[in-house]
Amino acid sequence: MRKTAEKRHNDWKKAIRKRKIINAHGIDYYDNLHQYSKNKIHCSCPFCRAKTSKRKRVWGTGGKNWSINDEKRIEEMQDQILDNE
């Protein structure tokens, strides 16, 4: 088990991180730090919440929002198809 002091310190670190996330967007949800440690804070900017499908790309035209690794795989497969023809 963790000591109470260690748990308090970890709670404090997490609350500071959550407050920084919120303040980066110019919003202030709570007026004291304890409330940040007890609630979930999610960044909902377009970059953090981007999904693979059913959404338009963050920048550019619509379509799938593939991860970089998936985009590389797709390019490799398309190159293989062109090489076989």
PDB file of N, CA and C in Angstrom:
ATOM      1  N   MET A   1       0.836  -1.193   0.000  1.00  0.00           N
ATOM      2  CA  MET A   1       0.000   0.000   0.000  1.00  0.00           C
ATOM      3  C   MET A   1       0.873   1.246   0.000  1.00  0.00           C
ATOM      4  N   ARG A   2       0.312   2.291  -0.536  1.00  0.00           N
ATOM      5  CA  ARG A   2       1.028   3.551  -0.572  1.00  0.00           C
ATOM      6  C   ARG A   2       0.737   4.350   0.695  1.00  0.00           C
ATOM      7  N   LYS A   3       1.714   5.135   1.057  1.00  0.00           N
ATOM      8  CA  LYS A   3       1.529   5.997   2.217  1.00  0.00           C
ATOM      9  C   LYS A   3       0.624   7.156   1.846  1.00  0.00           C
ATOM     10  N   THR A   4       0.016   7.729   2.835  1.00  0.00           N
ATOM     11  CA  THR A   4      -0.906   8.829   2.601  1.00  0.00           C
ATOM     12  C   THR A   4      -0.200  10.014   1.952  1.00  0.00           C
ATOM     13  N   ALA A   5       1.023  10.292   2.382  1.00  0.00           N
ATOM     14  CA  ALA A   5       1.761  11.415   1.810  1.00  0.00           C
ATOM     15  C   ALA A   5       2.043  11.189   0.330  1.00  0.00           C
ATOM     16  N   GLU A   6       2.360   9.953  -0.046  1.00  0.00           N
ATOM     17  CA  GLU A   6       2.624   9.646  -1.451  1.00  0.00           C
ATOM     18  C   GLU A   6       1.354   9.790  -2.283  1.00  0.00           C
ATOM     19  N   LYS A   7       0.235   9.327  -1.760  1.00  0.00           N
ATOM     20  CA  LYS A   7      -1.042   9.448  -2.463  1.00  0.00           C
ATOM     21  C   LYS A   7      -1.414  10.920  -2.645  1.00  0.00           C
ATOM     22  N   ARG A   8      -1.241  11.720  -1.607  1.00  0.00           N
ATOM     23  CA  ARG A   8      -1.538  13.151  -1.708  1.00  0.00           C
ATOM     24  C   ARG A   8      -0.664  13.824  -2.761  1.00  0.00           C
ATOM     25  N   HIS A   9       0.601  13.452  -2.782  1.00  0.00           N
ATOM     26  CA  HIS A   9       1.515  14.039  -3.756  1.00  0.00           C
ATOM     27  C   HIS A   9       1.104  13.675  -5.180  1.00  0.00           C
ATOM     28  N   ASN A  10       0.741  12.414  -5.406  1.00  0.00           N
ATOM     29  CA  ASN A  10       0.303  11.984  -6.741  1.00  0.00           C
ATOM     30  C   ASN A  10      -0.987  12.677  -7.145  1.00  0.00           C
ATOM     31  N   ASP A  11      -1.926  12.830  -6.204  1.00  0.00           N
ATOM     32  CA  ASP A  11      -3.163  13.548  -6.490  1.00  0.00           C
ATOM     33  C   ASP A  11      -2.870  14.994  -6.872  1.00  0.00           C
ATOM     34  N   TRP A  12      -1.923  15.606  -6.180  1.00  0.00           N
ATOM     35  CA  TRP A  12      -1.551  16.985  -6.471  1.00  0.00           C
ATOM     36  C   TRP A  12      -0.960  17.099  -7.872  1.00  0.00           C
ATOM     37  N   LYS A  13      -0.061  16.150  -8.243  1.00  0.00           N
ATOM     38  CA  LYS A  13       0.554  16.180  -9.570  1.00  0.00           C
ATOM     39  C   LYS A  13      -0.497  16.056 -10.664  1.00  0.00           C
ATOM     40  N   LYS A  14      -1.438  15.149 -10.482  1.00  0.00           N
ATOM     41  CA  LYS A  14      -2.473  14.945 -11.485  1.00  0.00           C
ATOM     42  C   LYS A  14      -3.392  16.152 -11.589  1.00  0.00           C
ATOM     43  N   ALA A  15      -3.701  16.775 -10.463  1.00  0.00           N
ATOM     44  CA  ALA A  15      -4.563  17.952 -10.478  1.00  0.00           C
ATOM     45  C   ALA A  15      -3.878  19.111 -11.189  1.00  0.00           C
ATOM     46  N   ILE A  16      -2.583  19.283 -10.971  1.00  0.00           N
ATOM     47  CA  ILE A  16      -1.842  20.341 -11.649  1.00  0.00           C
ATOM     48  C   ILE A  16      -1.862  20.106 -13.155  1.00  0.00           C
ATOM     49  N   ARG A  17      -1.667  18.853 -13.583  1.00  0.00           N
ATOM     50  CA  ARG A  17      -1.673  18.527 -15.007  1.00  0.00           C
ATOM     51  C   ARG A  17      -3.034  18.822 -15.629  1.00  0.00           C
ATOM     52  N   LYS A  18      -4.113  18.431 -14.949  1.00  0.00           N
ATOM     53  CA  LYS A  18      -5.450  18.680 -15.470  1.00  0.00           C
ATOM     54  C   LYS A  18      -5.736  20.176 -15.571  1.00  0.00           C
ATOM     55  N   ARG A  19      -5.283  20.943 -14.575  1.00  0.00           N
ATOM     56  CA  ARG A  19      -5.495  22.385 -14.604  1.00  0.00           C
ATOM     57  C   ARG A  19      -4.737  23.022 -15.769  1.00  0.00           C
ATOM     58  N   LYS A  20      -3.529  22.509 -16.066  1.00  0.00           N
ATOM     59  CA  LYS A  20      -2.761  23.036 -17.194  1.00  0.00           C
ATOM     60  C   LYS A  20      -3.470  22.754 -18.515  1.00  0.00           C
ATOM     61  N   ILE A  21      -4.060  21.575 -18.651  1.00  0.00           N
ATOM     62  CA  ILE A  21      -4.792  21.234 -19.868  1.00  0.00           C
ATOM     63  C   ILE A  21      -5.942  22.208 -20.077  1.00  0.00           C
ATOM     64  N   ILE A  22      -6.692  22.472 -19.022  1.00  0.00           N
ATOM     65  CA  ILE A  22      -7.842  23.366 -19.120  1.00  0.00           C
ATOM     66  C   ILE A  22      -7.406  24.798 -19.383  1.00  0.00           C
ATOM     67  N   ASN A  23      -6.375  25.261 -18.694  1.00  0.00           N
ATOM     68  CA  ASN A  23      -5.922  26.640 -18.870  1.00  0.00           C
ATOM     69  C   ASN A  23      -5.313  26.870 -20.245  1.00  0.00           C
ATOM     70  N   ALA A  24      -4.799  25.830 -20.890  1.00  0.00           N
ATOM     71  CA  ALA A  24      -4.243  25.971 -22.233  1.00  0.00           C
ATOM     72  C   ALA A  24      -5.323  26.354 -23.235  1.00  0.00           C
ATOM     73  N   HIS A  25      -6.576  26.015 -22.926  1.00  0.00           N
ATOM     74  CA  HIS A  25      -7.690  26.346 -23.810  1.00  0.00           C
ATOM     75  C   HIS A  25      -8.403  27.624 -23.378  1.00  0.00           C
ATOM     76  N   GLY A  26      -7.904  28.278 -22.349  1.00  0.00           N
ATOM     77  CA  GLY A  26      -8.497  29.533 -21.902  1.00  0.00           C
ATOM     78  C   GLY A  26      -9.761  29.370 -21.100  1.00  0.00           C
ATOM     79  N   ILE A  27      -9.963  28.202 -20.528  1.00  0.00           N
ATOM     80  CA  ILE A  27     -11.156  27.921 -19.734  1.00  0.00           C
ATOM     81  C   ILE A  27     -10.718  27.661 -18.303  1.00  0.00           C
ATOM     82  N   ASP A  28     -11.568  27.998 -17.353  1.00  0.00           N
ATOM     83  CA  ASP A  28     -11.272  27.693 -15.954  1.00  0.00           C
ATOM     84  C   ASP A  28     -12.510  27.035 -15.354  1.00  0.00           C
ATOM     85  N   TYR A  29     -12.476  25.711 -15.191  1.00  0.00           N
ATOM     86  CA  TYR A  29     -13.634  24.984 -14.688  1.00  0.00           C
ATOM     87  C   TYR A  29     -13.865  25.199 -13.202  1.00  0.00           C
ATOM     88  N   TYR A  30     -12.830  25.027 -12.418  1.00  0.00           N
ATOM     89  CA  TYR A  30     -12.979  25.038 -10.968  1.00  0.00           C
ATOM     90  C   TYR A  30     -12.110  26.117 -10.347  1.00  0.00           C
ATOM     91  N   ASP A  31     -12.486  26.544  -9.147  1.00  0.00           N
ATOM     92  CA  ASP A  31     -11.717  27.593  -8.498  1.00  0.00           C
ATOM     93  C   ASP A  31     -10.719  27.057  -7.482  1.00  0.00           C
ATOM     94  N   ASN A  32     -10.782  25.781  -7.127  1.00  0.00           N
ATOM     95  CA  ASN A  32      -9.740  25.236  -6.260  1.00  0.00           C
ATOM     96  C   ASN A  32      -9.188  23.931  -6.815  1.00  0.00           C
ATOM     97  N   LEU A  33      -7.972  23.619  -6.438  1.00  0.00           N
ATOM     98  CA  LEU A  33      -7.229  22.504  -7.028  1.00  0.00           C
ATOM     99  C   LEU A  33      -7.824  21.146  -6.669  1.00  0.00           C
ATOM    100  N   HIS A  34      -8.443  21.024  -5.509  1.00  0.00           N
ATOM    101  CA  HIS A  34      -9.000  19.743  -5.061  1.00  0.00           C
ATOM    102  C   HIS A  34     -10.060  19.232  -6.033  1.00  0.00           C
ATOM    103  N   GLN A  35     -10.832  20.126  -6.619  1.00  0.00           N
ATOM    104  CA  GLN A  35     -11.876  19.702  -7.537  1.00  0.00           C
ATOM    105  C   GLN A  35     -11.291  19.094  -8.807  1.00  0.00           C
ATOM    106  N   TYR A  36     -10.125  19.549  -9.240  1.00  0.00           N
ATOM    107  CA  TYR A  36      -9.473  18.955 -10.405  1.00  0.00           C
ATOM    108  C   TYR A  36      -9.016  17.526 -10.108  1.00  0.00           C
ATOM    109  N   SER A  37      -8.596  17.255  -8.872  1.00  0.00           N
ATOM    110  CA  SER A  37      -8.079  15.925  -8.555  1.00  0.00           C
ATOM    111  C   SER A  37      -9.189  14.885  -8.469  1.00  0.00           C
ATOM    112  N   LYS A  38     -10.409  15.316  -8.281  1.00  0.00           N
ATOM    113  CA  LYS A  38     -11.506  14.374  -8.100  1.00  0.00           C
ATOM    114  C   LYS A  38     -12.377  14.179  -9.332  1.00  0.00           C
ATOM    115  N   ASN A  39     -12.134  14.933 -10.392  1.00  0.00           N
ATOM    116  CA  ASN A  39     -12.967  14.846 -11.586  1.00  0.00           C
ATOM    117  C   ASN A  39     -12.120  14.566 -12.815  1.00  0.00           C
ATOM    118  N   LYS A  40     -12.761  14.044 -13.857  1.00  0.00           N
ATOM    119  CA  LYS A  40     -12.048  13.758 -15.095  1.00  0.00           C
ATOM    120  C   LYS A  40     -12.052  15.010 -15.964  1.00  0.00           C
ATOM    121  N   ILE A  41     -10.899  15.306 -16.522  1.00  0.00           N
ATOM    122  CA  ILE A  41     -10.759  16.430 -17.432  1.00  0.00           C
ATOM    123  C   ILE A  41     -10.191  15.874 -18.732  1.00  0.00           C
ATOM    124  N   HIS A  42     -10.895  16.088 -19.822  1.00  0.00           N
ATOM    125  CA  HIS A  42     -10.437  15.615 -21.116  1.00  0.00           C
ATOM    126  C   HIS A  42     -10.222  16.796 -22.030  1.00  0.00           C
ATOM    127  N   CYS A  43      -9.202  16.732 -22.816  1.00  0.00           N
ATOM    128  CA  CYS A  43      -8.984  17.759 -23.821  1.00  0.00           C
ATOM    129  C   CYS A  43      -9.863  17.401 -25.015  1.00  0.00           C
ATOM    130  N   SER A  44     -10.719  18.293 -25.435  1.00  0.00           N
ATOM    131  CA  SER A  44     -11.631  17.984 -26.530  1.00  0.00           C
ATOM    132  C   SER A  44     -11.336  18.811 -27.770  1.00  0.00           C
ATOM    133  N   CYS A  45     -10.071  19.214 -27.927  1.00  0.00           N
ATOM    134  CA  CYS A  45      -9.718  19.954 -29.140  1.00  0.00           C
ATOM    135  C   CYS A  45      -9.719  18.987 -30.327  1.00  0.00           C
ATOM    136  N   PRO A  46      -9.813  19.481 -31.557  1.00  0.00           N
ATOM    137  CA  PRO A  46      -9.905  18.585 -32.716  1.00  0.00           C
ATOM    138  C   PRO A  46      -8.716  17.644 -32.871  1.00  0.00           C
ATOM    139  N   PHE A  47      -7.540  18.050 -32.425  1.00  0.00           N
ATOM    140  CA  PHE A  47      -6.372  17.185 -32.571  1.00  0.00           C
ATOM    141  C   PHE A  47      -6.441  16.003 -31.611  1.00  0.00           C
ATOM    142  N   CYS A  48      -6.921  16.221 -30.403  1.00  0.00           N
ATOM    143  CA  CYS A  48      -6.955  15.155 -29.402  1.00  0.00           C
ATOM    144  C   CYS A  48      -8.127  14.206 -29.605  1.00  0.00           C
ATOM    145  N   ARG A  49      -9.195  14.686 -30.193  1.00  0.00           N
ATOM    146  CA  ARG A  49     -10.374  13.836 -30.317  1.00  0.00           C
ATOM    147  C   ARG A  49     -10.583  13.281 -31.714  1.00  0.00           C
ATOM    148  N   ALA A  50      -9.583  13.378 -32.551  1.00  0.00           N
ATOM    149  CA  ALA A  50      -9.715  12.902 -33.923  1.00  0.00           C
ATOM    150  C   ALA A  50      -9.882  11.388 -33.940  1.00  0.00           C
ATOM    151  N   LYS A  51     -10.845  10.914 -34.696  1.00  0.00           N
ATOM    152  CA  LYS A  51     -11.109   9.488 -34.831  1.00  0.00           C
ATOM    153  C   LYS A  51     -10.747   9.049 -36.244  1.00  0.00           C
ATOM    154  N   THR A  52     -10.753   7.744 -36.470  1.00  0.00           N
ATOM    155  CA  THR A  52     -10.360   7.223 -37.772  1.00  0.00           C
ATOM    156  C   THR A  52     -11.446   7.423 -38.816  1.00  0.00           C
ATOM    157  N   SER A  53     -12.701   7.211 -38.458  1.00  0.00           N
ATOM    158  CA  SER A  53     -13.738   7.266 -39.484  1.00  0.00           C
ATOM    159  C   SER A  53     -14.915   8.115 -39.019  1.00  0.00           C
ATOM    160  N   LYS A  54     -15.825   8.338 -39.943  1.00  0.00           N
ATOM    161  CA  LYS A  54     -17.063   9.080 -39.735  1.00  0.00           C
ATOM    162  C   LYS A  54     -16.826  10.541 -39.366  1.00  0.00           C
ATOM    163  N   ARG A  55     -15.646  11.031 -39.659  1.00  0.00           N
ATOM    164  CA  ARG A  55     -15.356  12.437 -39.395  1.00  0.00           C
ATOM    165  C   ARG A  55     -14.490  12.959 -40.526  1.00  0.00           C
ATOM    166  N   LYS A  56     -14.504  14.248 -40.681  1.00  0.00           N
ATOM    167  CA  LYS A  56     -13.606  14.845 -41.654  1.00  0.00           C
ATOM    168  C   LYS A  56     -12.240  15.006 -41.024  1.00  0.00           C
ATOM    169  N   ARG A  57     -11.234  15.125 -41.855  1.00  0.00           N
ATOM    170  CA  ARG A  57      -9.878  15.333 -41.351  1.00  0.00           C
ATOM    171  C   ARG A  57      -9.817  16.644 -40.593  1.00  0.00           C
ATOM    172  N   VAL A  58      -8.856  16.734 -39.712  1.00  0.00           N
ATOM    173  CA  VAL A  58      -8.682  17.959 -38.941  1.00  0.00           C
ATOM    174  C   VAL A  58      -8.344  19.114 -39.875  1.00  0.00           C
ATOM    175  N   TRP A  59      -7.452  18.878 -40.828  1.00  0.00           N
ATOM    176  CA  TRP A  59      -7.163  19.872 -41.852  1.00  0.00           C
ATOM    177  C   TRP A  59      -7.342  19.203 -43.189  1.00  0.00           C
ATOM    178  N   GLY A  60      -7.708  19.934 -44.157  1.00  0.00           N
ATOM    179  CA  GLY A  60      -7.805  19.393 -45.511  1.00  0.00           C
ATOM    180  C   GLY A  60      -9.193  18.893 -45.835  1.00  0.00           C
ATOM    181  N   THR A  61      -9.234  17.983 -46.793  1.00  0.00           N
ATOM    182  CA  THR A  61     -10.518  17.492 -47.282  1.00  0.00           C
ATOM    183  C   THR A  61     -11.059  16.402 -46.369  1.00  0.00           C
ATOM    184  N   GLY A  62     -12.268  15.978 -46.667  1.00  0.00           N
ATOM    185  CA  GLY A  62     -12.914  14.957 -45.859  1.00  0.00           C
ATOM    186  C   GLY A  62     -12.346  13.577 -46.102  1.00  0.00           C
ATOM    187  N   GLY A  63     -12.886  12.587 -45.432  1.00  0.00           N
ATOM    188  CA  GLY A  63     -12.430  11.216 -45.603  1.00  0.00           C
ATOM    189  C   GLY A  63     -11.959  10.623 -44.296  1.00  0.00           C
ATOM    190  N   LYS A  64     -11.219   9.546 -44.408  1.00  0.00           N
ATOM    191  CA  LYS A  64     -10.713   8.869 -43.223  1.00  0.00           C
ATOM    192  C   LYS A  64      -9.587   9.664 -42.596  1.00  0.00           C
ATOM    193  N   ASN A  65      -9.514   9.638 -41.298  1.00  0.00           N
ATOM    194  CA  ASN A  65      -8.443  10.307 -40.572  1.00  0.00           C
ATOM    195  C   ASN A  65      -7.475   9.231 -40.086  1.00  0.00           C
ATOM    196  N   TRP A  66      -6.704   8.670 -41.018  1.00  0.00           N
ATOM    197  CA  TRP A  66      -5.809   7.569 -40.695  1.00  0.00           C
ATOM    198  C   TRP A  66      -4.654   8.046 -39.821  1.00  0.00           C
ATOM    199  N   SER A  67      -4.161   7.144 -38.994  1.00  0.00           N
ATOM    200  CA  SER A  67      -2.953   7.449 -38.238  1.00  0.00           C
ATOM    201  C   SER A  67      -1.767   7.431 -39.205  1.00  0.00           C
ATOM    202  N   ILE A  68      -0.655   7.982 -38.789  1.00  0.00           N
ATOM    203  CA  ILE A  68       0.519   8.056 -39.665  1.00  0.00           C
ATOM    204  C   ILE A  68       0.993   6.660 -40.048  1.00  0.00           C
ATOM    205  N   ASN A  69       0.979   5.747 -39.092  1.00  0.00           N
ATOM    206  CA  ASN A  69       1.396   4.376 -39.360  1.00  0.00           C
ATOM    207  C   ASN A  69       0.480   3.721 -40.395  1.00  0.00           C
ATOM    208  N   ASP A  70      -0.831   3.937 -40.279  1.00  0.00           N
ATOM    209  CA  ASP A  70      -1.772   3.369 -41.244  1.00  0.00           C
ATOM    210  C   ASP A  70      -1.586   3.987 -42.626  1.00  0.00           C
ATOM    211  N   GLU A  71      -1.314   5.302 -42.675  1.00  0.00           N
ATOM    212  CA  GLU A  71      -1.090   5.948 -43.970  1.00  0.00           C
ATOM    213  C   GLU A  71       0.124   5.350 -44.673  1.00  0.00           C
ATOM    214  N   LYS A  72       1.187   5.065 -43.929  1.00  0.00           N
ATOM    215  CA  LYS A  72       2.378   4.449 -44.523  1.00  0.00           C
ATOM    216  C   LYS A  72       2.049   3.066 -45.072  1.00  0.00           C
ATOM    217  N   ARG A  73       1.277   2.289 -44.329  1.00  0.00           N
ATOM    218  CA  ARG A  73       0.892   0.953 -44.797  1.00  0.00           C
ATOM    219  C   ARG A  73       0.063   1.032 -46.073  1.00  0.00           C
ATOM    220  N   ILE A  74      -0.864   1.981 -46.121  1.00  0.00           N
ATOM    221  CA  ILE A  74      -1.711   2.128 -47.306  1.00  0.00           C
ATOM    222  C   ILE A  74      -0.863   2.493 -48.514  1.00  0.00           C
ATOM    223  N   GLU A  75       0.077   3.415 -48.334  1.00  0.00           N
ATOM    224  CA  GLU A  75       0.970   3.792 -49.443  1.00  0.00           C
ATOM    225  C   GLU A  75       1.791   2.602 -49.921  1.00  0.00           C
ATOM    226  N   GLU A  76       2.296   1.794 -48.992  1.00  0.00           N
ATOM    227  CA  GLU A  76       3.072   0.607 -49.380  1.00  0.00           C
ATOM    228  C   GLU A  76       2.214  -0.370 -50.171  1.00  0.00           C
ATOM    229  N   MET A  77       0.972  -0.568 -49.735  1.00  0.00           N
ATOM    230  CA  MET A  77       0.088  -1.484 -50.456  1.00  0.00           C
ATOM    231  C   MET A  77      -0.239  -0.955 -51.848  1.00  0.00           C
ATOM    232  N   GLN A  78      -0.458   0.354 -51.969  1.00  0.00           N
ATOM    233  CA  GLN A  78      -0.731   0.930 -53.283  1.00  0.00           C
ATOM    234  C   GLN A  78       0.482   0.813 -54.197  1.00  0.00           C
ATOM    235  N   ASP A  79       1.682   0.973 -53.649  1.00  0.00           N
ATOM    236  CA  ASP A  79       2.896   0.808 -54.445  1.00  0.00           C
ATOM    237  C   ASP A  79       3.041  -0.641 -54.918  1.00  0.00           C
ATOM    238  N   GLN A  80       2.719  -1.601 -54.057  1.00  0.00           N
ATOM    239  CA  GLN A  80       2.771  -3.010 -54.449  1.00  0.00           C
ATOM    240  C   GLN A  80       1.786  -3.313 -55.564  1.00  0.00           C
ATOM    241  N   ILE A  81       0.603  -2.705 -55.496  1.00  0.00           N
ATOM    242  CA  ILE A  81      -0.405  -2.933 -56.532  1.00  0.00           C
ATOM    243  C   ILE A  81       0.096  -2.380 -57.865  1.00  0.00           C
ATOM    244  N   LEU A  82       0.676  -1.177 -57.824  1.00  0.00           N
ATOM    245  CA  LEU A  82       1.199  -0.572 -59.058  1.00  0.00           C
ATOM    246  C   LEU A  82       2.371  -1.352 -59.623  1.00  0.00           C
ATOM    247  N   ASP A  83       3.223  -1.919 -58.771  1.00  0.00           N
ATOM    248  CA  ASP A  83       4.358  -2.709 -59.235  1.00  0.00           C
ATOM    249  C   ASP A  83       3.929  -4.012 -59.900  1.00  0.00           C
ATOM    250  N   ASN A  84       2.837  -4.602 -59.423  1.00  0.00           N
ATOM    251  CA  ASN A  84       2.355  -5.872 -59.988  1.00  0.00           C
ATOM    252  C   ASN A  84       1.667  -5.670 -61.334  1.00  0.00           C
ATOM    253  N   GLU A  85       1.210  -4.491 -61.633  1.00  0.00           N
ATOM    254  CA  GLU A  85       0.472  -4.268 -62.896  1.00  0.00           C
ATOM    255  C   GLU A  85       1.374  -4.087 -64.062  1.00  0.00           C
TER     256      GLU A  85
END
